[in-house]
C-alpha atoms as a PDB file:
ATOM      1  CA  MET A   1      15.470   6.914  -3.911  1.00  0.00           C
ATOM      2  CA  LYS A   2      13.160   9.340  -5.312  1.00  0.00           C
ATOM      3  CA  TYR A   3      10.459  11.035  -3.694  1.00  0.00           C
ATOM      4  CA  ARG A   4       7.211  12.133  -4.516  1.00  0.00           C
ATOM      5  CA  GLN A   5       4.381  14.578  -3.243  1.00  0.00           C
ATOM      6  CA  LEU A   6       1.419  13.032  -1.722  1.00  0.00           C
ATOM      7  CA  GLY A   7      -1.923  14.675  -3.093  1.00  0.00           C
ATOM      8  CA  ASP A   8      -2.336  18.197  -1.901  1.00  0.00           C
ATOM      9  CA  SER A   9      -0.676  17.361   1.171  1.00  0.00           C
ATOM     10  CA  ASP A  10       3.250  18.739   2.272  1.00  0.00           C
ATOM     11  CA  LEU A  11       4.220  15.215   2.697  1.00  0.00           C
ATOM     12  CA  GLN A  12       7.156  13.890   0.621  1.00  0.00           C
ATOM     13  CA  VAL A  13       7.089   9.998   0.239  1.00  0.00           C
ATOM     14  CA  SER A  14       9.423   7.756  -0.994  1.00  0.00           C
ATOM     15  CA  GLU A  15       8.449   6.045  -4.330  1.00  0.00           C
ATOM     16  CA  ILE A  16       8.605   2.667  -2.488  1.00  0.00           C
ATOM     17  CA  SER A  17       7.129   2.425   0.677  1.00  0.00           C
ATOM     18  CA  LEU A  18       7.022  -0.432   3.164  1.00  0.00           C
ATOM     19  CA  GLY A  19       4.072  -1.996   4.324  1.00  0.00           C
ATOM     20  CA  SER A  20       3.084  -4.366   6.964  1.00  0.00           C
ATOM     21  CA  TRP A  21       0.143  -6.209   6.070  1.00  0.00           C
ATOM     22  CA  LEU A  22       0.956  -9.883   6.090  1.00  0.00           C
ATOM     23  CA  THR A  23       4.665  -9.662   7.083  1.00  0.00           C
ATOM     24  CA  TYR A  24       5.094  -7.695  10.541  1.00  0.00           C
ATOM     25  CA  SER A  25       2.050  -8.644  12.037  1.00  0.00           C
ATOM     26  CA  GLY A  26       3.224 -12.053  12.399  1.00  0.00           C
ATOM     27  CA  GLY A  27       3.941 -13.707   9.362  1.00  0.00           C
ATOM     28  CA  VAL A  28       7.695 -12.766   9.503  1.00  0.00           C
ATOM     29  CA  GLU A  29      10.052 -13.677  12.658  1.00  0.00           C
ATOM     30  CA  ARG A  30      10.609 -10.174  14.576  1.00  0.00           C
ATOM     31  CA  GLU A  31      14.289 -10.191  14.344  1.00  0.00           C
ATOM     32  CA  GLN A  32      13.939 -10.785  10.410  1.00  0.00           C
ATOM     33  CA  ALA A  33      11.428  -8.072  10.489  1.00  0.00           C
ATOM     34  CA  ALA A  34      13.429  -5.499  12.366  1.00  0.00           C
ATOM     35  CA  ALA A  35      16.304  -6.159   9.861  1.00  0.00           C
ATOM     36  CA  CYS A  36      13.657  -5.410   7.211  1.00  0.00           C
ATOM     37  CA  VAL A  37      12.880  -1.846   8.665  1.00  0.00           C
ATOM     38  CA  GLU A  38      16.513  -1.404   9.168  1.00  0.00           C
ATOM     39  CA  LYS A  39      17.399  -2.020   5.408  1.00  0.00           C
ATOM     40  CA  ALA A  40      14.402   0.314   4.458  1.00  0.00           C
ATOM     41  CA  PHE A  41      16.009   3.202   6.146  1.00  0.00           C
ATOM     42  CA  GLU A  42      19.055   2.471   4.661  1.00  0.00           C
ATOM     43  CA  VAL A  43      17.741   2.574   1.142  1.00  0.00           C
ATOM     44  CA  GLY A  44      16.141   5.656   1.570  1.00  0.00           C
ATOM     45  CA  ILE A  45      12.314   4.632   2.269  1.00  0.00           C
ATOM     46  CA  ASN A  46      10.580   7.063   4.880  1.00  0.00           C
ATOM     47  CA  PHE A  47       7.335   5.792   4.252  1.00  0.00           C
ATOM     48  CA  ILE A  48       5.686   3.075   6.908  1.00  0.00           C
ATOM     49  CA  ASP A  49       1.955   1.692   6.495  1.00  0.00           C
ATOM     50  CA  THR A  50       0.214   0.048   8.828  1.00  0.00           C
ATOM     51  CA  ALA A  51      -3.285  -0.765   9.974  1.00  0.00           C
ATOM     52  CA  ASN A  52      -4.817  -1.290  13.352  1.00  0.00           C
ATOM     53  CA  VAL A  53      -6.179  -4.552  12.219  1.00  0.00           C
ATOM     54  CA  TYR A  54      -2.997  -6.121  11.254  1.00  0.00           C
ATOM     55  CA  GLY A  55      -2.318  -8.998  13.519  1.00  0.00           C
ATOM     56  CA  LYS A  56      -5.078  -6.969  15.794  1.00  0.00           C
ATOM     57  CA  GLY A  57      -2.702  -4.469  16.595  1.00  0.00           C
ATOM     58  CA  ALA A  58       0.596  -6.389  16.395  1.00  0.00           C
ATOM     59  CA  SER A  59       1.794  -4.733  13.402  1.00  0.00           C
ATOM     60  CA  GLU A  60       1.404  -1.265  15.120  1.00  0.00           C
ATOM     61  CA  THR A  61       2.999  -2.423  18.039  1.00  0.00           C
ATOM     62  CA  PHE A  62       6.136  -3.902  16.381  1.00  0.00           C
ATOM     63  CA  LEU A  63       6.663  -0.866  14.460  1.00  0.00           C
ATOM     64  CA  GLY A  64       6.052   1.563  17.827  1.00  0.00           C
ATOM     65  CA  GLU A  65       8.894  -0.400  19.288  1.00  0.00           C
ATOM     66  CA  VAL A  66      11.478  -0.405  16.135  1.00  0.00           C
ATOM     67  CA  LEU A  67      10.719   3.137  15.187  1.00  0.00           C
ATOM     68  CA  GLN A  68      11.294   4.427  18.778  1.00  0.00           C
ATOM     69  CA  ASN A  69      14.729   5.839  18.941  1.00  0.00           C
ATOM     70  CA  ARG A  70      14.345   7.401  15.503  1.00  0.00           C
ATOM     71  CA  PRO A  71      13.580  10.994  15.205  1.00  0.00           C
ATOM     72  CA  ARG A  72       9.580  11.173  14.755  1.00  0.00           C
ATOM     73  CA  ASP A  73      10.166  13.912  11.536  1.00  0.00           C
ATOM     74  CA  SER A  74      12.737  11.230   9.714  1.00  0.00           C
ATOM     75  CA  TYR A  75       9.689   9.079   8.584  1.00  0.00           C
ATOM     76  CA  VAL A  76       6.163   9.470   7.553  1.00  0.00           C
ATOM     77  CA  LEU A  77       3.720   6.935   9.271  1.00  0.00           C
ATOM     78  CA  ALA A  78       0.429   5.913   8.394  1.00  0.00           C
ATOM     79  CA  THR A  79      -1.929   3.491   9.916  1.00  0.00           C
ATOM     80  CA  LYS A  80      -5.806   2.955   8.935  1.00  0.00           C
ATOM     81  CA  LEU A  81      -9.145   1.615  10.887  1.00  0.00           C
ATOM     82  CA  PHE A  82     -12.513   0.103   9.873  1.00  0.00           C
ATOM     83  CA  PHE A  83     -12.274  -3.496  10.022  1.00  0.00           C
ATOM     84  CA  PRO A  84     -13.401  -5.339  13.492  1.00  0.00           C
ATOM     85  CA  MET A  85     -11.205  -5.096  16.303  1.00  0.00           C
ATOM     86  CA  THR A  86     -13.435  -6.748  18.677  1.00  0.00           C
ATOM     87  CA  GLU A  87     -17.080  -7.837  18.324  1.00  0.00           C
ATOM     88  CA  THR A  88     -18.083  -4.086  19.078  1.00  0.00           C
ATOM     89  CA  ASP A  89     -15.477  -2.220  17.522  1.00  0.00           C
ATOM     90  CA  SER A  90     -15.426  -1.536  13.697  1.00  0.00           C
ATOM     91  CA  GLY A  91     -16.243   1.135  11.191  1.00  0.00           C
ATOM     92  CA  LEU A  92     -15.968   4.736  10.508  1.00  0.00           C
ATOM     93  CA  SER A  93     -18.477   6.294  13.497  1.00  0.00           C
ATOM     94  CA  ARG A  94     -17.129   9.357  15.460  1.00  0.00           C
ATOM     95  CA  VAL A  95     -16.737   7.178  18.556  1.00  0.00           C
ATOM     96  CA  GLN A  96     -14.613   4.388  16.539  1.00  0.00           C
ATOM     97  CA  ILE A  97     -12.268   6.991  14.482  1.00  0.00           C
ATOM     98  CA  HIS A  98     -11.446   8.686  18.110  1.00  0.00           C
ATOM     99  CA  LYS A  99     -11.080   5.410  20.139  1.00  0.00           C
ATOM    100  CA  GLN A 100      -9.254   3.492  17.552  1.00  0.00           C
ATOM    101  CA  LEU A 101      -6.768   6.312  16.644  1.00  0.00           C
ATOM    102  CA  ASN A 102      -6.034   6.487  20.389  1.00  0.00           C
ATOM    103  CA  ASP A 103      -5.112   2.993  20.569  1.00  0.00           C
ATOM    104  CA  SER A 104      -3.403   3.121  17.401  1.00  0.00           C
ATOM    105  CA  LEU A 105      -1.132   5.958  18.953  1.00  0.00           C
ATOM    106  CA  LYS A 106      -0.430   3.977  22.213  1.00  0.00           C
ATOM    107  CA  ARG A 107       0.422   0.962  20.459  1.00  0.00           C
ATOM    108  CA  LEU A 108       2.938   3.142  17.586  1.00  0.00           C
ATOM    109  CA  LYS A 109       4.317   5.069  20.856  1.00  0.00           C
ATOM    110  CA  THR A 110       3.640   8.442  18.929  1.00  0.00           C
ATOM    111  CA  ASN A 111       1.640  11.657  19.520  1.00  0.00           C
ATOM    112  CA  TYR A 112       0.571  11.603  15.932  1.00  0.00           C
ATOM    113  CA  VAL A 113       0.404   9.638  12.348  1.00  0.00           C
ATOM    114  CA  ASP A 114       0.763  11.541   9.322  1.00  0.00           C
ATOM    115  CA  LEU A 115      -1.682  10.013   7.600  1.00  0.00           C
ATOM    116  CA  TYR A 116      -4.812   8.354   9.127  1.00  0.00           C
ATOM    117  CA  GLN A 117      -6.916   6.315   6.326  1.00  0.00           C
ATOM    118  CA  CYS A 118     -10.315   4.764   6.298  1.00  0.00           C
ATOM    119  CA  HIS A 119      -9.475   1.044   5.283  1.00  0.00           C
ATOM    120  CA  ARG A 120     -12.902   0.414   3.485  1.00  0.00           C
ATOM    121  CA  TYR A 121     -15.958   2.558   3.080  1.00  0.00           C
ATOM    122  CA  ASP A 122     -18.523   2.551   5.879  1.00  0.00           C
ATOM    123  CA  GLU A 123     -21.770   1.897   4.605  1.00  0.00           C
ATOM    124  CA  ASN A 124     -23.399   1.691   8.147  1.00  0.00           C
ATOM    125  CA  THR A 125     -22.167   5.363   9.186  1.00  0.00           C
ATOM    126  CA  PRO A 126     -23.000   8.954   7.381  1.00  0.00           C
ATOM    127  CA  LEU A 127     -20.256  10.256   5.391  1.00  0.00           C
ATOM    128  CA  GLU A 128     -20.446  13.546   7.175  1.00  0.00           C
ATOM    129  CA  GLU A 129     -20.322  11.896  10.625  1.00  0.00           C
ATOM    130  CA  THR A 130     -17.041   9.980   9.289  1.00  0.00           C
ATOM    131  CA  MET A 131     -15.347  13.406   7.728  1.00  0.00           C
ATOM    132  CA  ILE A 132     -16.432  15.438  10.890  1.00  0.00           C
ATOM    133  CA  ALA A 133     -14.640  12.857  13.100  1.00  0.00           C
ATOM    134  CA  LEU A 134     -11.630  12.928  10.813  1.00  0.00           C
ATOM    135  CA  SER A 135     -11.377  16.605  11.033  1.00  0.00           C
ATOM    136  CA  GLU A 136     -11.497  16.563  14.653  1.00  0.00           C
ATOM    137  CA  VAL A 137      -8.469  14.271  14.903  1.00  0.00           C
ATOM    138  CA  VAL A 138      -6.144  16.532  12.452  1.00  0.00           C
ATOM    139  CA  GLN A 139      -7.571  19.492  14.490  1.00  0.00           C
ATOM    140  CA  GLU A 140      -6.478  17.664  17.577  1.00  0.00           C
ATOM    141  CA  GLY A 141      -3.173  17.124  15.795  1.00  0.00           C
ATOM    142  CA  LYS A 142      -3.476  13.586  16.410  1.00  0.00           C
ATOM    143  CA  ALA A 143      -3.311  13.143  12.381  1.00  0.00           C
ATOM    144  CA  ARG A 144      -1.547  15.550   9.966  1.00  0.00           C
ATOM    145  CA  TYR A 145      -3.663  14.176   6.862  1.00  0.00           C
ATOM    146  CA  ILE A 146      -6.560  12.025   6.080  1.00  0.00           C
ATOM    147  CA  GLY A 147      -6.888   9.152   3.531  1.00  0.00           C
ATOM    148  CA  PHE A 148      -8.514   6.370   2.363  1.00  0.00           C
ATOM    149  CA  SER A 149      -8.242   2.694   0.743  1.00  0.00           C
ATOM    150  CA  GLU A 150     -10.771   0.859  -1.838  1.00  0.00           C
ATOM    151  CA  TRP A 151     -13.164   3.679  -2.245  1.00  0.00           C
ATOM    152  CA  ASN A 152     -15.074   3.676  -5.280  1.00  0.00           C
ATOM    153  CA  ALA A 153     -15.332   7.206  -7.462  1.00  0.00           C
ATOM    154  CA  ALA A 154     -18.899   8.017  -6.279  1.00  0.00           C
ATOM    155  CA  GLN A 155     -17.658   7.636  -2.868  1.00  0.00           C
ATOM    156  CA  ILE A 156     -14.516   9.763  -3.298  1.00  0.00           C
ATOM    157  CA  LYS A 157     -16.684  12.379  -5.159  1.00  0.00           C
ATOM    158  CA  ALA A 158     -19.434  12.359  -2.170  1.00  0.00           C
ATOM    159  CA  ALA A 159     -16.712  13.131   0.405  1.00  0.00           C
ATOM    160  CA  ALA A 160     -14.850  15.960  -2.008  1.00  0.00           C
ATOM    161  CA  GLN A 161     -18.098  17.540  -2.227  1.00  0.00           C
ATOM    162  CA  ILE A 162     -18.729  18.245   1.823  1.00  0.00           C
ATOM    163  CA  THR A 163     -17.409  21.803   2.565  1.00  0.00           C
ATOM    164  CA  GLY A 164     -16.171  22.853   5.934  1.00  0.00           C
ATOM    165  CA  VAL A 165     -14.166  19.285   6.492  1.00  0.00           C
ATOM    166  CA  GLU A 166     -10.680  18.176   6.002  1.00  0.00           C
ATOM    167  CA  LYS A 167     -10.070  16.820   2.394  1.00  0.00           C
ATOM    168  CA  PHE A 168      -8.774  13.633   1.648  1.00  0.00           C
ATOM    169  CA  VAL A 169      -5.054  13.571   0.212  1.00  0.00           C
ATOM    170  CA  SER A 170      -4.471   9.976  -0.265  1.00  0.00           C
ATOM    171  CA  SER A 171      -6.227   6.760  -1.919  1.00  0.00           C
ATOM    172  CA  GLN A 172      -4.773   3.263  -1.438  1.00  0.00           C
ATOM    173  CA  PRO A 173      -6.030   1.022  -4.296  1.00  0.00           C
ATOM    174  CA  GLN A 174      -4.690  -2.450  -5.251  1.00  0.00           C
ATOM    175  CA  TYR A 175      -2.743  -1.722  -8.533  1.00  0.00           C
ATOM    176  CA  SER A 176      -0.398  -3.275 -10.640  1.00  0.00           C
ATOM    177  CA  MET A 177       0.318  -4.870 -14.157  1.00  0.00           C
ATOM    178  CA  LEU A 178      -2.192  -7.653 -13.535  1.00  0.00           C
ATOM    179  CA  TRP A 179      -4.639  -5.498 -11.791  1.00  0.00           C
ATOM    180  CA  ARG A 180      -5.489  -2.219 -13.455  1.00  0.00           C
ATOM    181  CA  GLU A 181      -8.993  -1.358 -12.154  1.00  0.00           C
ATOM    182  CA  PRO A 182      -8.238   1.758 -10.623  1.00  0.00           C
ATOM    183  CA  GLU A 183      -7.303   3.773 -13.975  1.00  0.00           C
ATOM    184  CA  ALA A 184     -10.725   3.848 -15.107  1.00  0.00           C
ATOM    185  CA  GLU A 185     -12.326   6.052 -12.493  1.00  0.00           C
ATOM    186  CA  VAL A 186     -10.561   6.275  -9.348  1.00  0.00           C
ATOM    187  CA  PHE A 187      -7.656   7.867 -10.620  1.00  0.00           C
ATOM    188  CA  PRO A 188      -8.877  10.435 -12.710  1.00  0.00           C
ATOM    189  CA  VAL A 189     -11.480  11.576  -9.897  1.00  0.00           C
ATOM    190  CA  CYS A 190      -8.511  11.571  -7.339  1.00  0.00           C
ATOM    191  CA  ALA A 191      -6.140  13.675  -9.460  1.00  0.00           C
ATOM    192  CA  ALA A 192      -9.209  16.279 -10.092  1.00  0.00           C
ATOM    193  CA  ASN A 193      -9.502  16.536  -6.227  1.00  0.00           C
ATOM    194  CA  GLY A 194      -5.626  16.580  -5.163  1.00  0.00           C
ATOM    195  CA  ILE A 195      -5.441  13.215  -4.013  1.00  0.00           C
ATOM    196  CA  GLY A 196      -2.528  10.845  -4.586  1.00  0.00           C
ATOM    197  CA  GLN A 197      -2.254   7.301  -5.090  1.00  0.00           C
ATOM    198  CA  ILE A 198      -0.452   4.780  -2.445  1.00  0.00           C
ATOM    199  CA  VAL A 199      -0.673   1.473  -4.241  1.00  0.00           C
ATOM    200  CA  TRP A 200      -0.859  -1.992  -2.583  1.00  0.00           C
ATOM    201  CA  SER A 201       0.182  -4.998  -4.061  1.00  0.00           C
ATOM    202  CA  PRO A 202       2.293  -3.778  -6.872  1.00  0.00           C
ATOM    203  CA  LEU A 203       3.673  -7.129  -7.404  1.00  0.00           C
ATOM    204  CA  GLY A 204       0.496  -9.122  -7.462  1.00  0.00           C
ATOM    205  CA  GLN A 205       1.149 -10.923  -4.136  1.00  0.00           C
ATOM    206  CA  GLY A 206       4.724 -11.927  -5.544  1.00  0.00           C
ATOM    207  CA  VAL A 207       3.299 -13.373  -8.664  1.00  0.00           C
ATOM    208  CA  LEU A 208       5.079 -10.801 -10.755  1.00  0.00           C
ATOM    209  CA  THR A 209       8.661 -11.394  -9.458  1.00  0.00           C
ATOM    210  CA  GLY A 210       8.366 -14.499 -11.386  1.00  0.00           C
ATOM    211  CA  LYS A 211       8.800 -17.191  -8.342  1.00  0.00           C
ATOM    212  CA  TYR A 212       5.673 -19.016  -9.335  1.00  0.00           C
ATOM    213  CA  ARG A 213       5.646 -21.281 -12.462  1.00  0.00           C
ATOM    214  CA  ALA A 214       2.921 -23.217 -14.199  1.00  0.00           C
ATOM    215  CA  GLY A 215       2.994 -26.855 -13.352  1.00  0.00           C
ATOM    216  CA  GLN A 216       5.415 -26.095 -10.697  1.00  0.00           C
ATOM    217  CA  PRO A 217       5.153 -26.595  -6.930  1.00  0.00           C
ATOM    218  CA  ILE A 218       5.007 -23.548  -5.075  1.00  0.00           C
ATOM    219  CA  PRO A 219       8.333 -22.299  -3.206  1.00  0.00           C
ATOM    220  CA  LYS A 220       8.615 -23.454   0.397  1.00  0.00           C
ATOM    221  CA  ASP A 221       9.883 -20.026   1.435  1.00  0.00           C
ATOM    222  CA  SER A 222       7.437 -18.064  -0.621  1.00  0.00           C
ATOM    223  CA  ARG A 223       4.558 -16.166   0.389  1.00  0.00           C
ATOM    224  CA  ALA A 224       2.050 -18.644  -1.251  1.00  0.00           C
ATOM    225  CA  ALA A 225       3.300 -21.574   0.933  1.00  0.00           C
ATOM    226  CA  ASN A 226       2.969 -19.564   4.144  1.00  0.00           C
ATOM    227  CA  ASP A 227      -0.853 -19.829   5.376  1.00  0.00           C
ATOM    228  CA  LEU A 228      -0.355 -16.238   7.294  1.00  0.00           C
ATOM    229  CA  MET A 229       0.873 -14.327   4.145  1.00  0.00           C
ATOM    230  CA  ASN A 230      -1.367 -16.077   1.414  1.00  0.00           C
ATOM    231  CA  VAL A 231      -4.339 -13.921   1.075  1.00  0.00           C
ATOM    232  CA  PHE A 232      -5.824 -13.466  -1.972  1.00  0.00           C
ATOM    233  CA  ILE A 233      -3.208 -15.037  -4.190  1.00  0.00           C
ATOM    234  CA  GLY A 234      -4.993 -17.680  -4.889  1.00  0.00           C
ATOM    235  CA  ARG A 235      -6.718 -15.968  -7.716  1.00  0.00           C
ATOM    236  CA  LEU A 236      -3.408 -15.198  -9.359  1.00  0.00           C
ATOM    237  CA  LEU A 237      -1.963 -18.787  -9.132  1.00  0.00           C
ATOM    238  CA  ASN A 238      -3.488 -20.136 -12.292  1.00  0.00           C
ATOM    239  CA  ASP A 239      -1.659 -21.492 -15.648  1.00  0.00           C
ATOM    240  CA  GLU A 240      -2.577 -18.817 -17.831  1.00  0.00           C
ATOM    241  CA  ILE A 241      -1.434 -15.774 -15.529  1.00  0.00           C
ATOM    242  CA  LEU A 242       1.951 -17.777 -14.770  1.00  0.00           C
ATOM    243  CA  ASN A 243       2.653 -18.448 -18.177  1.00  0.00           C
ATOM    244  CA  ALA A 244       2.281 -14.780 -19.138  1.00  0.00           C
ATOM    245  CA  VAL A 245       4.412 -13.682 -16.245  1.00  0.00           C
ATOM    246  CA  GLU A 246       6.995 -15.863 -17.689  1.00  0.00           C
ATOM    247  CA  LYS A 247       7.122 -13.988 -20.814  1.00  0.00           C
ATOM    248  CA  LEU A 248       8.088 -10.820 -19.065  1.00  0.00           C
ATOM    249  CA  LYS A 249      11.353 -12.112 -17.904  1.00  0.00           C
ATOM    250  CA  PRO A 250      12.962 -11.311 -21.199  1.00  0.00           C
ATOM    251  CA  LEU A 251      11.748  -7.945 -21.387  1.00  0.00           C
ATOM    252  CA  ALA A 252      13.182  -7.601 -17.440  1.00  0.00           C
ATOM    253  CA  ALA A 253      16.491  -9.032 -18.884  1.00  0.00           C
ATOM    254  CA  ALA A 254      16.386  -6.670 -21.881  1.00  0.00           C
ATOM    255  CA  GLU A 255      16.296  -3.994 -19.166  1.00  0.00           C
ATOM    256  CA  ASN A 256      18.681  -5.217 -16.701  1.00  0.00           C
ATOM    257  CA  LEU A 257      16.017  -5.126 -14.214  1.00  0.00           C
ATOM    258  CA  SER A 258      14.760  -7.656 -11.917  1.00  0.00           C
ATOM    259  CA  MET A 259      11.211  -8.883 -12.207  1.00  0.00           C
ATOM    260  CA  ALA A 260      10.191  -6.909  -8.957  1.00  0.00           C
ATOM    261  CA  GLN A 261      11.846  -3.676 -10.416  1.00  0.00           C
ATOM    262  CA  LEU A 262      10.091  -4.010 -14.172  1.00  0.00           C
ATOM    263  CA  ALA A 263       6.629  -4.378 -11.857  1.00  0.00           C
ATOM    264  CA  LEU A 264       7.160  -1.475  -9.615  1.00  0.00           C
ATOM    265  CA  ALA A 265       8.694   0.724 -12.323  1.00  0.00           C
ATOM    266  CA  TRP A 266       5.603   0.119 -14.299  1.00  0.00           C
ATOM    267  CA  VAL A 267       3.309   1.022 -11.596  1.00  0.00           C
ATOM    268  CA  LEU A 268       5.373   4.172 -10.983  1.00  0.00           C
ATOM    269  CA  ARG A 269       5.294   5.133 -14.628  1.00  0.00           C
ATOM    270  CA  ASP A 270       1.872   7.001 -13.901  1.00  0.00           C
ATOM    271  CA  GLU A 271       2.704  10.223 -11.956  1.00  0.00           C
ATOM    272  CA  ARG A 272      -0.524   9.980 -10.104  1.00  0.00           C
ATOM    273  CA  VAL A 273       0.898   7.050  -8.146  1.00  0.00           C
ATOM    274  CA  SER A 274       2.775   9.005  -5.146  1.00  0.00           C
ATOM    275  CA  SER A 275       4.054   5.770  -3.678  1.00  0.00           C
ATOM    276  CA  ALA A 276       4.168   1.783  -4.206  1.00  0.00           C
ATOM    277  CA  ILE A 277       3.593  -0.511  -1.034  1.00  0.00           C
ATOM    278  CA  ILE A 278       6.099  -3.660  -0.511  1.00  0.00           C
ATOM    279  CA  GLY A 279       5.621  -5.977   1.566  1.00  0.00           C
ATOM    280  CA  ALA A 280       9.380  -7.900   2.126  1.00  0.00           C
ATOM    281  CA  SER A 281      10.238 -10.243   4.649  1.00  0.00           C
ATOM    282  CA  ARG A 282      13.912 -10.278   3.833  1.00  0.00           C
ATOM    283  CA  PRO A 283      16.054  -7.340   3.788  1.00  0.00           C
ATOM    284  CA  ALA A 284      17.633  -8.253   0.146  1.00  0.00           C
ATOM    285  CA  GLN A 285      14.052  -8.056  -1.123  1.00  0.00           C
ATOM    286  CA  ILE A 286      13.816  -4.136   0.077  1.00  0.00           C
ATOM    287  CA  ALA A 287      17.102  -3.505  -1.530  1.00  0.00           C
ATOM    288  CA  ASP A 288      16.175  -4.976  -4.563  1.00  0.00           C
ATOM    289  CA  ASN A 289      12.739  -3.447  -4.980  1.00  0.00           C
ATOM    290  CA  ALA A 290      14.319  -0.155  -3.472  1.00  0.00           C
ATOM    291  CA  ALA A 291      16.364   0.366  -6.631  1.00  0.00           C
ATOM    292  CA  ALA A 292      13.129   0.471  -8.734  1.00  0.00           C
ATOM    293  CA  SER A 293      12.951   4.035  -7.784  1.00  0.00           C
ATOM    294  CA  GLY A 294      13.768   6.410 -10.622  1.00  0.00           C
ATOM    295  CA  ILE A 295      13.628   3.913 -13.226  1.00  0.00           C
ATOM    296  CA  GLU A 296      11.903   4.790 -16.641  1.00  0.00           C
ATOM    297  CA  LEU A 297      10.793   2.234 -18.664  1.00  0.00           C
ATOM    298  CA  SER A 298      10.880   2.539 -22.700  1.00  0.00           C
ATOM    299  CA  ALA A 299       7.713   2.972 -24.593  1.00  0.00           C
ATOM    300  CA  GLN A 300       9.072  -0.551 -26.354  1.00  0.00           C
ATOM    301  CA  THR A 301       9.096  -2.108 -23.371  1.00  0.00           C
ATOM    302  CA  LEU A 302       5.720  -1.015 -22.036  1.00  0.00           C
ATOM    303  CA  THR A 303       4.066  -1.670 -25.281  1.00  0.00           C
ATOM    304  CA  ALA A 304       5.566  -5.408 -24.960  1.00  0.00           C
ATOM    305  CA  ILE A 305       4.068  -5.299 -21.373  1.00  0.00           C
ATOM    306  CA  ASP A 306       0.496  -4.699 -22.703  1.00  0.00           C
ATOM    307  CA  GLU A 307       0.775  -7.122 -25.428  1.00  0.00           C
ATOM    308  CA  ILE A 308       1.688 -10.029 -23.236  1.00  0.00           C
ATOM    309  CA  LEU A 309      -0.825  -9.365 -20.353  1.00  0.00           C
ATOM    310  CA  ASN A 310      -3.541  -8.096 -22.048  1.00  0.00           C
ATOM    311  CA  PRO A 311      -5.038 -11.429 -22.789  1.00  0.00           C
ATOM    312  CA  VAL A 312      -5.395 -12.419 -19.078  1.00  0.00           C
ATOM    313  CA  LEU A 313      -6.157  -8.929 -17.505  1.00  0.00           C
ATOM    314  CA  ALA A 314      -9.270  -9.191 -15.349  1.00  0.00           C
ATOM    315  CA  PRO A 315     -12.008  -6.988 -17.098  1.00  0.00           C
ATOM    316  CA  VAL A 316     -12.369  -3.416 -15.806  1.00  0.00           C
ATOM    317  CA  LYS A 317     -16.008  -3.270 -14.326  1.00  0.00           C
END
């Protein structure tokens, strides 16, 4: 496993990181989920990402239990806040930032997180209030660094211009061969402000693994067949996209890679990406995905990927 620096922080994160959104918040049985975490450490993954809203605390609780006996400095732990936890608890106000982080730390059974992230932008709270509160939790030692997920370029610039507060070191956008929107504005503005990318859904919700085929039934053991884990995958399950993905298989074979490794290596080809978050339900998936670290795709392969996928890519806004 290779490691990259996360933005202007001193955090060294594994190129492949372990997420817990749809898997360890209830989508995967506990014993199997624990085996996945064990495998992640075995293959050199040191970065684990979660959020308070995943299973309304279930993911954090699970991770707090399985990580409890590991040295705290042996892994990088990230969580998030924004989405509703109750009818009255949501957003990025000062009250919520302090309350939700304290609750997250209790579930995670730790005194601090390495990275505390704003899960989305809060239109109902002044940005200055949010940044001051995030700075407070860093000063209190409850979070080492701060980040955000799915903020646009204007929001990122506005935060960077506020003086006297902690600076963001990470951005967590959706990014894959099939979803390249962050390349246009988010990646450049982040690079200019010392913010690294932790990308989610690098496998296109599993579509880029090639397991789904046009005109064929959805595999019963797949994410798309699981109502707890098939969020957002519908828009990718159309024949045009699936047929294009099918054409990637010879490219992966020529590089002696699995389809997942091809997709992850493609994401990591960009040095602005610090880590790619995977959501594995089986230890074997983690081992396969982790093997993508350090792989450099040939220029010929990268060109061929674009020629195959460009006709089906969503237009960049």
